[in-house]
Structure formats: structure tokens, C-alpha cells
Amino acid sequence: MSLKVGISRNVGEGVRPIHGIRLEPEGDTCGWYIWAGEFRDDLDFFVPLHAAHLHQWAPLVVPYLGLARGWRFLITETYEDVWLDPQPPF
């Protein structure tokens, strides 16, 4: 099975910074939600993307995909912050 992430469309457009959080995997997802810029709670904010395509959409995030559930990151080409979030925002 090919697992999917939830990703905002603007990640592929080069918007920065890129945020990521890994939640509990569900169904055919790996639990990752990745977005760029400001978070919005619109129902269509996240679109499904097979994780295998992340190297095309956002190669910056690939090194972080091994983080366990509950971990987050905030990155740009020149900045990195990675932390365990005991209270995920969603």
C-alpha cells in the first residue's frame, strides 16, 4: 500500500515556512500533515498526496518523515526547529 500525507497546495508553490506534524496514522495515511505559511481550518486546506511524491513537492521535508507521532517541524532553506508537541493543534 502507498501511504498518503495531508498537504496544503501552497507547499508546492514555494511558500515558506513549511510546517509539519505527525498525528496518528489512519486508513491509508501515514499521519503527516504538512502546510506552508499560515494554517487555515478550511475543509479543503489539506489535499491527499502519496508520500512517494513529496520529493517533488517539498524535498525539504523528506529528512523529517522518520519522526514519530507527536513530533513537529518548522523549516525553511535556512532555518530548522523540531520539537515534540504534547498538545497537537488539531
Protein backbone atom coordinates (compact mmCIF):
# COMPACT_ATOMS: atom_id res chain seq x y z
CA MET A 1 0.00 0.00 0.00
CA SER A 2 1.18 3.52 -0.79
CA LEU A 3 0.64 5.80 2.20
CA LYS A 4 -0.55 9.39 1.86
CA VAL A 5 0.11 12.68 3.63
CA GLY A 6 -2.19 15.65 4.01
CA ILE A 7 -0.54 18.64 2.38
CA SER A 8 -1.59 22.20 1.59
CA ARG A 9 -1.39 23.17 -2.06
CA ASN A 10 0.84 26.17 -1.36
CA VAL A 11 3.71 23.90 -0.25
CA GLY A 12 4.34 23.06 -3.90
CA GLU A 13 4.26 26.77 -4.76
CA GLY A 14 7.31 27.58 -2.65
CA VAL A 15 5.54 29.35 0.24
CA ARG A 16 7.62 29.35 3.42
CA PRO A 17 7.94 28.43 6.22
CA ILE A 18 6.90 24.79 5.95
CA HIS A 19 5.20 23.25 8.97
CA GLY A 20 4.71 19.57 9.61
CA ILE A 21 3.08 17.50 12.33
CA ARG A 22 2.72 13.75 12.62
CA LEU A 23 -0.56 12.55 14.08
CA GLU A 24 -1.94 9.05 14.50
CA PRO A 25 -1.95 7.21 11.15
CA GLU A 26 -5.45 6.46 9.94
CA GLY A 27 -6.60 4.40 6.96
CA ASP A 28 -4.15 4.86 4.09
CA THR A 29 -2.39 7.86 5.68
CA CYS A 30 0.95 7.93 7.46
CA GLY A 31 -0.21 10.65 9.86
CA TRP A 32 1.78 13.55 8.40
CA TYR A 33 0.11 16.92 7.78
CA ILE A 34 2.29 19.46 6.04
CA TRP A 35 1.45 23.08 5.25
CA ALA A 36 3.17 26.32 4.30
CA GLY A 37 2.65 29.78 5.69
CA GLU A 38 -0.38 30.32 7.90
CA PHE A 39 -2.63 27.41 8.89
CA ARG A 40 -6.29 27.63 7.85
CA ASP A 41 -9.08 25.38 9.05
CA ASP A 42 -10.82 25.29 5.66
CA LEU A 43 -12.14 21.82 4.83
CA ASP A 44 -10.11 21.74 1.60
CA PHE A 45 -6.88 23.17 3.07
CA PHE A 46 -5.19 19.76 3.03
CA VAL A 47 -5.19 17.57 -0.06
CA PRO A 48 -4.04 13.94 -0.12
CA LEU A 49 -0.67 13.22 -1.69
CA HIS A 50 1.16 9.91 -1.91
CA ALA A 51 4.25 10.25 0.28
CA ALA A 52 6.37 8.99 -2.61
CA HIS A 53 5.74 12.32 -4.39
CA LEU A 54 6.98 14.52 -1.55
CA HIS A 55 10.47 14.70 -3.04
CA GLN A 56 8.88 16.59 -5.97
CA TRP A 57 6.53 18.81 -3.95
CA ALA A 58 8.76 19.60 -0.99
CA PRO A 59 12.20 17.97 -0.87
CA LEU A 60 12.96 19.94 2.32
CA VAL A 61 10.54 17.80 4.34
CA VAL A 62 11.85 14.37 3.32
CA PRO A 63 14.52 14.15 6.08
CA TYR A 64 11.84 14.66 8.76
CA LEU A 65 9.44 11.90 7.68
CA GLY A 66 11.01 9.39 10.06
CA LEU A 67 9.91 11.37 13.12
CA ALA A 68 7.43 9.59 15.38
CA ARG A 69 3.85 10.56 16.13
CA GLY A 70 3.60 13.82 18.06
CA TRP A 71 6.68 15.43 16.53
CA ARG A 72 6.54 18.70 14.61
CA PHE A 73 8.87 20.73 12.47
CA LEU A 74 9.10 24.28 11.15
CA ILE A 75 11.63 24.74 8.36
CA THR A 76 12.91 26.95 5.57
CA GLU A 77 16.04 26.57 3.50
CA THR A 78 18.00 28.32 6.29
CA TYR A 79 16.02 27.56 9.46
CA GLU A 80 15.06 24.39 11.35
CA ASP A 81 13.03 23.82 14.51
CA VAL A 82 11.93 20.32 15.56
CA TRP A 83 10.00 19.51 18.74
CA LEU A 84 7.68 17.03 20.43
CA ASP A 85 4.24 18.63 20.81
CA PRO A 86 2.26 17.17 23.75
CA GLN A 87 -0.86 19.10 22.62
CA PRO A 88 -1.22 19.00 18.81
CA PRO A 89 -3.20 21.93 17.38
CA PHE A 90 -5.74 19.69 15.62
